[in-house]
Every structure is written in C-alpha cells, then in structure tokens.
Protein backbone atom coordinates (compact mmCIF):
# COMPACT_ATOMS: atom_id res chain seq x y z
CA UNK A 1 28.34 14.41 -0.46
CA UNK A 2 27.66 10.76 0.38
CA UNK A 3 29.21 8.50 -1.99
CA UNK A 4 27.77 4.87 -2.40
CA UNK A 5 30.12 2.20 -4.03
CA UNK A 6 30.01 -1.55 -4.32
CA UNK A 7 33.10 -3.71 -3.58
CA UNK A 8 33.89 -7.74 -3.58
CA UNK A 9 34.90 -9.20 -0.47
CA UNK A 10 34.92 -12.48 -2.57
CA UNK A 11 34.28 -12.81 -6.18
CA UNK A 12 33.28 -16.13 -7.86
CA UNK A 13 35.27 -18.19 -5.51
CA UNK A 14 35.18 -22.05 -6.21
CA UNK A 15 33.85 -24.10 -3.05
CA UNK A 16 34.37 -27.60 -2.51
CA UNK A 17 30.85 -29.73 -2.28
CA UNK A 18 30.77 -29.77 1.35
CA UNK A 19 32.44 -27.31 4.01
CA UNK A 20 32.40 -24.26 5.89
CA UNK A 21 34.32 -20.69 5.19
CA UNK A 22 35.19 -17.76 7.12
CA UNK A 23 35.72 -14.59 5.63
CA UNK A 24 36.93 -11.38 7.17
CA UNK A 25 34.82 -8.29 6.60
CA UNK A 26 37.83 -6.10 5.98
CA UNK A 27 36.23 -2.90 5.35
CA UNK A 28 36.13 0.44 6.95
CA UNK A 29 33.15 2.00 5.69
CA UNK A 30 29.83 1.48 6.86
CA UNK A 31 27.95 -1.53 5.11
CA UNK A 32 24.44 -0.78 4.26
CA UNK A 33 23.97 -4.34 2.57
CA UNK A 34 26.07 -7.42 2.25
CA UNK A 35 25.02 -9.29 -1.08
CA UNK A 36 25.95 -12.88 -1.05
CA UNK A 37 25.41 -14.99 -4.16
CA UNK A 38 25.96 -18.70 -4.78
CA UNK A 39 25.98 -20.29 -8.32
CA UNK A 40 26.60 -23.88 -9.11
CA UNK A 41 25.72 -26.38 -12.25
CA UNK A 42 23.53 -29.20 -12.34
CA UNK A 43 24.42 -32.61 -13.23
CA UNK A 44 24.49 -34.50 -16.63
CA UNK A 45 21.00 -35.90 -16.17
CA UNK A 46 18.91 -33.44 -13.97
CA UNK A 47 18.61 -31.71 -10.66
CA UNK A 48 15.02 -31.73 -9.61
CA UNK A 49 13.51 -29.60 -6.74
CA UNK A 50 16.55 -28.31 -5.63
CA UNK A 51 17.35 -24.82 -5.49
CA UNK A 52 20.79 -23.77 -4.20
CA UNK A 53 19.46 -22.20 -1.12
CA UNK A 54 18.37 -25.70 0.21
CA UNK A 55 21.84 -26.48 0.25
CA UNK A 56 23.37 -23.38 1.85
CA UNK A 57 22.95 -24.48 5.67
CA UNK A 58 23.83 -21.27 7.25
CA UNK A 59 25.14 -17.88 6.99
CA UNK A 60 26.26 -15.56 9.54
CA UNK A 61 27.82 -12.28 10.40
CA UNK A 62 29.86 -12.45 13.54
CA UNK A 63 31.97 -10.31 15.74
CA UNK A 64 33.95 -13.18 17.83
CA UNK A 65 30.90 -14.66 20.21
CA UNK A 66 28.55 -11.78 19.24
CA UNK A 67 26.10 -12.86 16.27
CA UNK A 68 24.57 -10.04 14.48
CA UNK A 69 22.93 -12.37 11.44
CA UNK A 70 22.61 -15.77 11.55
CA UNK A 71 20.03 -18.23 9.55
CA UNK A 72 20.16 -20.83 6.53
CA UNK A 73 19.64 -19.37 3.16
CA UNK A 74 15.99 -20.41 2.72
CA UNK A 75 15.26 -18.10 5.72
CA UNK A 76 17.51 -15.55 4.47
CA UNK A 77 15.81 -15.30 0.96
CA UNK A 78 12.44 -15.01 2.81
CA UNK A 79 13.29 -12.36 5.15
CA UNK A 80 15.00 -10.41 2.12
CA UNK A 81 11.47 -10.61 0.53
CA UNK A 82 9.72 -9.32 3.46
CA UNK A 83 12.17 -6.41 4.01
CA UNK A 84 12.47 -5.10 0.31
CA UNK A 85 9.05 -6.32 -1.04
CA UNK A 86 10.83 -7.41 -3.81
CA UNK A 87 11.99 -11.33 -4.27
CA UNK A 88 15.73 -11.66 -4.43
CA UNK A 89 17.51 -12.60 -7.70
CA UNK A 90 17.38 -16.24 -8.61
CA UNK A 91 17.47 -18.63 -11.27
CA UNK A 92 15.95 -22.19 -10.47
CA UNK A 93 16.59 -24.77 -13.46
CA UNK A 94 16.12 -28.29 -13.26
CA UNK A 95 17.56 -29.82 -16.39
CA UNK A 96 20.95 -31.59 -17.05
CA UNK A 97 23.76 -29.19 -17.52
CA UNK A 98 21.69 -26.09 -16.54
CA UNK A 99 23.00 -23.31 -14.26
CA UNK A 100 21.51 -22.25 -10.73
CA UNK A 101 21.83 -19.17 -8.99
CA UNK A 102 20.36 -17.71 -5.49
CA UNK A 103 21.19 -14.24 -4.16
CA UNK A 104 20.70 -13.31 -0.28
CA UNK A 105 20.83 -9.76 0.35
CA UNK A 106 21.57 -8.93 4.19
CA UNK A 107 20.05 -5.53 5.00
CA UNK A 108 21.52 -3.94 7.99
CA UNK A 109 19.28 -0.72 7.57
CA UNK A 110 15.58 -0.27 7.04
CA UNK A 111 16.58 -0.07 3.05
CA UNK A 112 19.45 0.15 0.59
CA UNK A 113 21.53 3.15 1.58
CA UNK A 114 20.00 4.04 5.03
CA UNK A 115 21.99 6.83 6.36
CA UNK A 116 21.29 6.33 9.97
CA UNK A 117 21.04 2.26 10.23
CA UNK A 118 24.06 0.52 9.03
CA UNK A 119 26.77 -1.94 10.08
CA UNK A 120 29.90 0.23 11.32
CA UNK A 121 32.91 -1.78 11.42
CA UNK A 122 34.53 0.88 13.51
CA UNK A 123 32.38 -0.51 16.21
CA UNK A 124 33.51 -3.99 16.07
CA UNK A 125 36.49 -5.96 16.46
CA UNK A 126 36.74 -8.67 13.83
CA UNK A 127 33.61 -8.84 11.92
CA UNK A 128 33.43 -11.52 9.82
CA UNK A 129 31.09 -13.95 7.54
CA UNK A 130 30.73 -17.57 8.20
CA UNK A 131 29.26 -19.59 5.71
CA UNK A 132 28.36 -23.66 5.80
CA UNK A 133 26.78 -25.70 2.87
CA UNK A 134 26.65 -29.23 1.36
CA UNK A 135 25.70 -29.73 -2.05
CA UNK A 136 24.31 -33.14 -1.13
CA UNK A 137 21.87 -31.62 1.13
CA UNK A 138 18.92 -32.54 -0.93
CA UNK A 139 20.10 -34.62 -3.92
CA UNK A 140 23.26 -36.50 -4.23
CA UNK A 141 25.99 -34.84 -5.90
CA UNK A 142 26.39 -36.26 -9.53
CA UNK A 143 24.35 -36.90 -12.53
CA UNK A 144 20.89 -36.23 -10.84
CA UNK A 145 22.00 -33.55 -8.44
CA UNK A 146 24.66 -30.65 -8.60
CA UNK A 147 28.08 -31.36 -10.58
CA UNK A 148 31.07 -31.78 -8.25
CA UNK A 149 33.24 -28.85 -7.98
CA UNK A 150 30.73 -26.41 -9.78
CA UNK A 151 29.73 -24.25 -6.51
CA UNK A 152 30.94 -20.49 -6.77
CA UNK A 153 30.32 -17.76 -4.14
CA UNK A 154 30.63 -14.00 -4.23
CA UNK A 155 30.36 -11.77 -1.71
CA UNK A 156 29.61 -7.98 -2.30
CA UNK A 157 29.38 -5.07 0.51
CA UNK A 158 27.52 -2.07 -0.69
CA UNK A 159 29.45 0.56 1.57
CA UNK A 160 28.62 4.18 2.35
CA UNK A 161 31.58 6.89 2.25
CA UNK A 162 31.24 10.47 3.45
CA UNK A 163 28.16 10.35 5.52
CA UNK A 164 27.27 13.31 7.67
CA UNK A 165 27.14 11.20 10.84
CA UNK A 166 28.15 7.78 11.41
CA UNK A 167 25.38 5.25 11.74
CA UNK A 168 23.79 5.20 15.21
CA UNK A 169 22.12 1.40 15.19
CA UNK A 170 21.95 -1.55 13.01
CA UNK A 171 19.55 -4.23 12.41
CA UNK A 172 20.31 -7.71 13.77
CA UNK A 173 18.58 -10.53 12.36
CA UNK A 174 18.62 -14.16 13.92
CA UNK A 175 16.95 -17.68 13.51
CA UNK A 176 16.27 -17.87 17.41
CA UNK A 177 14.44 -21.38 17.75
CA UNK A 178 13.91 -24.17 15.70
CA UNK A 179 11.73 -27.45 16.47
CA UNK A 180 9.76 -30.15 14.61
CA UNK A 181 6.30 -29.64 14.61
CA UNK A 182 3.86 -32.43 16.94
CA UNK A 183 0.54 -33.52 15.84
CA UNK A 184 -1.35 -31.12 18.07
CA UNK A 185 -0.72 -28.92 21.14
CA UNK A 186 1.09 -25.79 21.94
CA UNK A 187 4.80 -24.81 21.67
CA UNK A 188 5.53 -22.44 24.02
CA UNK A 189 8.99 -20.13 22.97
CA UNK A 190 10.72 -17.96 25.20
CA UNK A 191 12.02 -14.91 23.24
CA UNK A 192 14.33 -12.17 23.89
CA UNK A 193 13.73 -8.60 25.60
CA UNK A 194 16.70 -6.98 24.85
CA UNK A 195 16.46 -5.03 21.67
CA UNK A 196 13.31 -3.70 19.80
CA UNK A 197 11.68 -5.72 17.50
CA UNK A 198 10.96 -4.55 13.96
CA UNK A 199 9.82 -8.00 12.67
CA UNK A 200 9.14 -11.88 13.68
CA UNK A 201 9.02 -14.20 10.86
CA UNK A 202 7.97 -17.98 11.15
CA UNK A 203 8.44 -20.73 9.02
CA UNK A 204 6.63 -24.23 8.93
CA UNK A 205 7.66 -26.33 6.11
CA UNK A 206 6.67 -30.32 5.12
CA UNK A 207 6.62 -31.39 1.81
CA UNK A 208 3.00 -31.69 0.50
CA UNK A 209 1.53 -30.17 4.16
CA UNK A 210 -0.06 -26.99 3.98
CA UNK A 211 1.81 -24.36 6.32
CA UNK A 212 -1.61 -23.55 8.28
CA UNK A 213 -1.83 -27.28 8.86
CA UNK A 214 1.70 -27.66 10.50
CA UNK A 215 1.01 -24.43 12.43
CA UNK A 216 -2.34 -23.61 12.88
CA UNK A 217 -2.29 -20.34 14.94
CA UNK A 218 0.37 -18.12 16.30
CA UNK A 219 -0.18 -15.88 19.25
CA UNK A 220 2.51 -13.75 20.83
CA UNK A 221 2.01 -13.14 24.70
CA UNK A 222 3.43 -9.98 26.44
CA UNK A 223 3.76 -10.62 30.29
CA UNK A 224 1.54 -13.61 30.41
CA UNK A 225 -1.32 -12.09 28.05
CA UNK A 226 -1.03 -8.37 29.65
CA UNK A 227 -0.55 -7.54 25.81
CA UNK A 228 -1.36 -9.52 22.67
CA UNK A 229 0.15 -7.96 19.71
CA UNK A 230 -1.32 -10.55 17.60
CA UNK A 231 -3.35 -14.05 17.83
CA UNK A 232 -3.67 -14.92 14.12
CA UNK A 233 -4.21 -18.20 12.34
CA UNK A 234 -1.31 -18.54 9.45
CA UNK A 235 -4.34 -18.22 6.74
CA UNK A 236 -5.12 -15.02 8.34
CA UNK A 237 -1.70 -13.58 8.45
CA UNK A 238 -1.38 -14.60 4.89
CA UNK A 239 -4.08 -12.61 3.73
CA UNK A 240 -2.86 -9.53 5.48
CA UNK A 241 0.62 -9.76 3.79
CA UNK A 242 -1.10 -10.19 0.72
CA UNK A 243 -2.65 -6.83 1.18
CA UNK A 244 0.51 -5.21 2.12
CA UNK A 245 3.47 -6.89 -0.31
CA UNK A 246 1.09 -8.35 -3.06
CA UNK A 247 1.41 -11.67 -4.52
CA UNK A 248 4.84 -13.00 -5.87
CA UNK A 249 5.63 -13.96 -9.40
CA UNK A 250 8.50 -16.30 -10.10
CA UNK A 251 9.69 -18.65 -13.13
CA UNK A 252 11.38 -22.37 -12.43
CA UNK A 253 12.56 -24.13 -15.57
CA UNK A 254 11.38 -27.30 -14.64
CA UNK A 255 12.70 -30.81 -16.13
CA UNK A 256 10.31 -33.66 -15.35
CA UNK A 257 7.83 -36.50 -16.33
CA UNK A 258 3.86 -36.88 -16.64
CA UNK A 259 2.63 -37.33 -13.05
CA UNK A 260 5.67 -36.17 -11.45
CA UNK A 261 5.43 -33.84 -8.50
CA UNK A 262 7.65 -30.52 -8.39
CA UNK A 263 7.68 -27.80 -5.58
CA UNK A 264 6.95 -24.31 -6.25
CA UNK A 265 8.35 -23.09 -2.91
CA UNK A 266 5.52 -20.81 -2.31
CA UNK A 267 2.75 -21.67 0.53
CA UNK A 268 -0.56 -20.06 -0.06
CA UNK A 269 -2.53 -18.59 -3.24
CA UNK A 270 -0.32 -20.79 -5.47
CA UNK A 271 -1.22 -20.79 -9.11
CA UNK A 272 0.80 -21.88 -12.27
CA UNK A 273 0.99 -21.59 -15.86
CA UNK A 274 2.97 -24.39 -17.86
CA UNK A 275 4.52 -24.38 -21.66
CA UNK A 276 6.60 -27.20 -22.89
CA UNK A 277 9.71 -26.00 -24.43
CA UNK A 278 8.83 -27.65 -28.03
CA UNK A 279 5.37 -27.79 -29.86
CA UNK A 280 5.25 -31.43 -29.42
CA UNK A 281 4.87 -31.08 -25.74
CA UNK A 282 1.31 -30.46 -24.29
CA UNK A 283 2.04 -29.28 -20.65
CA UNK A 284 -0.85 -29.06 -18.35
CA UNK A 285 -1.32 -28.72 -14.55
CA UNK A 286 -2.86 -31.83 -13.12
CA UNK A 287 -2.90 -30.46 -9.64
CA UNK A 288 -1.10 -27.77 -7.43
CA UNK A 289 -2.10 -27.76 -3.53
CA UNK A 290 0.21 -27.23 -0.52
CA UNK A 291 3.07 -26.13 -2.55
CA UNK A 292 3.36 -29.21 -4.76
CA UNK A 293 2.56 -29.02 -8.38
CA UNK A 294 1.57 -32.31 -10.60
CA UNK A 295 2.85 -31.96 -13.88
CA UNK A 296 0.66 -33.32 -16.87
CA UNK A 297 3.05 -33.62 -20.01
CA UNK A 298 1.52 -35.52 -23.31
CA UNK A 299 2.44 -35.53 -26.77
CA UNK A 300 0.22 -34.68 -29.68
CA UNK A 301 -0.95 -38.39 -29.82
CA UNK A 302 -1.85 -38.04 -26.08
CA UNK A 303 1.26 -40.29 -24.79
CA UNK A 304 2.71 -39.58 -21.35
CA UNK A 305 6.18 -37.92 -21.69
CA UNK A 306 9.26 -38.06 -19.70
CA UNK A 307 12.21 -36.06 -19.48
CA UNK A 308 10.94 -33.15 -20.90
CA UNK A 309 11.91 -29.14 -20.36
CA UNK A 310 9.08 -27.09 -19.02
CA UNK A 311 8.56 -23.27 -18.44
CA UNK A 312 6.73 -22.90 -15.32
CA UNK A 313 5.29 -19.51 -13.97
CA UNK A 314 4.14 -19.46 -10.52
CA UNK A 315 2.10 -16.95 -8.70
CA UNK A 316 1.48 -17.31 -4.63
CA UNK A 317 2.57 -15.96 -1.54
CA UNK A 318 4.69 -16.89 1.51
CA UNK A 319 8.18 -17.80 0.02
CA UNK A 320 9.90 -21.02 1.72
CA UNK A 321 6.97 -21.53 3.92
CA UNK A 322 7.91 -18.26 5.83
CA UNK A 323 5.03 -15.83 7.04
CA UNK A 324 6.05 -12.62 8.62
CA UNK A 325 4.64 -10.32 11.25
CA UNK A 326 5.89 -6.58 10.86
CA UNK A 327 5.72 -4.41 13.91
CA UNK A 328 4.59 -1.03 12.68
CA UNK A 329 6.11 1.01 9.99
CA UNK A 330 9.61 -0.17 9.01
CA UNK A 331 10.93 3.76 8.37
CA UNK A 332 9.93 4.66 11.77
CA UNK A 333 11.60 2.69 14.73
CA UNK A 334 9.11 4.39 17.29
CA UNK A 335 6.51 1.99 16.20
CA UNK A 336 8.40 -1.39 16.62
CA UNK A 337 7.72 -3.50 19.45
CA UNK A 338 9.50 -1.96 22.43
CA UNK A 339 10.10 -5.42 24.02
CA UNK A 340 12.58 -3.80 26.76
CA UNK A 341 9.58 -2.85 28.70
CA UNK A 342 8.50 -6.30 29.41
CA UNK A 343 10.00 -8.96 31.40
CA UNK A 344 8.14 -12.21 29.86
CA UNK A 345 7.53 -12.74 25.93
CA UNK A 346 6.48 -16.01 24.57
CA UNK A 347 5.02 -16.99 21.06
CA UNK A 348 2.64 -19.69 21.36
CA UNK A 349 2.36 -21.76 18.00
CA UNK A 350 -0.69 -24.17 17.95
CA UNK A 351 0.42 -27.45 16.19
CA UNK A 352 -1.65 -29.41 13.92
CA UNK A 353 0.38 -31.88 12.02
CA UNK A 354 3.62 -33.91 12.60
CA UNK A 355 6.72 -33.42 10.90
CA UNK A 356 7.10 -29.93 9.75
CA UNK A 357 10.41 -27.87 10.20
CA UNK A 358 9.89 -24.91 11.97
CA UNK A 359 11.92 -21.84 12.33
CA UNK A 360 11.16 -18.46 14.31
CA UNK A 361 13.35 -15.48 13.11
CA UNK A 362 13.75 -12.02 14.92
CA UNK A 363 14.62 -8.62 13.17
CA UNK A 364 15.86 -6.54 15.88
CA UNK A 365 16.98 -2.76 15.98
CA UNK A 366 20.38 -2.51 17.91
CA UNK A 367 21.99 0.78 19.15
CA UNK A 368 25.69 1.09 19.02
CA UNK A 369 27.36 2.16 22.32
CA UNK A 370 29.18 5.31 22.78
C-alpha cells in the first residue's frame, strides 16, 4: 500500500532581511507537493499594503541549469489557487508588532498525492530549491515595515512511498516572459512548443489601474492564426473563471486612517465589509475600485480617526491581478494543448495603459526520459 508522509527540508529557518538561499532537495521518494512557508513580524508602528509575498522575489526548483519551477511568490500563490481552487494559507495583518505569513504550495502533479505525476528525485542529479528575498521591497525595514531579523522560512516535502510504479511525468511551471505595458499596441510574445500546456496565466498589475485597462485582450495564435484557442477580453475570461472557480473570500486585518487607501489584492468583482475592532470606531467603505479600498473611519461624534485596527472581509476574483486560461480538464492530459504539433505560438496582448507589470506563466506536462 502507498504511504504518504511529510518531511521538513527546512523548519523555521531564520533569514537575513535581504539575500538568497540554495537548499538541496535531498529526498529519495517522489515529491507530490513542495510547501514553502514564510513568516515575519511587522515593525513597531505598522506595515501597510505589504503581504510577505511581495517581498519574496523569486522561488525556483532547479537541477543544475534545468529549471523546473520559477516565478515570484505573488505568481506562485495565484497559480496555486487556480491549480487547487482553494486560496493558500495566509495571515495578512498591518498593525505594529503583528505577525504575517504566506504559504506557497508547488504542485508537481495534477493534485496532492497524484500517483502518476510527481517530482522523482531519482531522475535528477542535484535537485535544489533556490529562493531570493528582500524585506524592503515595498516598505523600508523598521518601524513601518517588517521588523529586522524576523523573517523565517520552512520548506516541507510531501512524499509518496511504496507506489505501484514510479511517476511518469511532472508538472513544470515557469514565468516565461515579463514586461511593462505600453499605452497602446500589441505585445507579441513567442512561447515554447516543447511540452503540452495545462495552463496559461497572465498577470497585469499597476496600483489603482484595472487589469482590463492595462491589458484589454489576450489572444493565443497557433501557426499564425491557423488555430486560435482563445481571443478574450480580460473581463470575459474573468467571468469564465468565476463560473469554474467561484469567488475568493479572504480577510485582511488592516491598520489605517480615515480616507487612507489600502489594497485588497483581488482584481475583479471586489466587495468588502469593514468592522472596527473597538465599539468606538465606525468603519465604512468610502470606495472600492480597481483593487483599491478607501477607508472611512469615524468616531461616534463623526470625527475622522487615525491609526485604528479594522477587520476587512474581502470577496472577489483574480488574485494578485492574475487571470488563468486552463486547457481542457486538469485530470485528463489528453485534453491539454498539444503545442508540440505546432511550429509557432504567440500570445498577442493588446495594451491599454502604460506602466503595468505584466508576466506570462506556463504550466507544462513534462515526461521523464527512460
């Protein structure tokens, strides 16, 4: 009978405020999921609009020059949501001294404990996890950012023993292309044709700008329009994903002032309920548009308040301004986009606003060589 078990590769390892780390993935059994967790403590005053995922600049799984997984942790968290239809664990808190955490599951199969698709260490010479981070990416380390010396990391491998047969394939996930959007025109992005595609994911983010303003339409062209798997507006694809994935519900423990702007990290269908953490705070939503929430904080005497704690319950879609384009049924690889049969593949992105960060992520099914 198969045996499933979890082991720590690293457990609560304290990291410097800035740096990179290489960790040997020295296991012998197939890995279904790598679960990477980070935690840190806010500075003495606050740490606003700054989830840890914004500060983990790259996470990779490599075997020498062979890259098996590579992207920043905003993309990794969004990809995990689209993969499992559940938002990964997080604790986003903005008040002084509060703890924060973010979790990033890396799936090498179609689901946890996939018996056919997994990372088989026996097929690689020296598999490693590489991580880069900078706690000052958004806010300076200190009183209004993360507390110096507070960053911790754990890496858990979810292993499968005693399988009837070794895994035949694994899922490879990479951020293939990034650029800054222009005010208009098409960005034509050549994409690989080496392994079947299970999913294509696009991120377009600029603070206060709607994702469907930055990139208005996404088209996938195979062999110069011989085949077009999709040619959608971002808004249309968002509706398709809402039908398949539903809406995300998550909480942020905000710390802020009346009329202050906070991010909710969802790009469409945003809604929010605010509750003051004491009876003397009247918390209301002044505005919520393009992922930005404007707080309304008043006293019983209708006086604007500052430096107050608010529970914010958010609903919406497109986490981290990421929109996914799945191909077929995740459980059935025969329905994936068989890109090996084409000679030229391009993503054609129609731009509508200058200044957005744009990334293209591919999830591909890769077969082990005999």
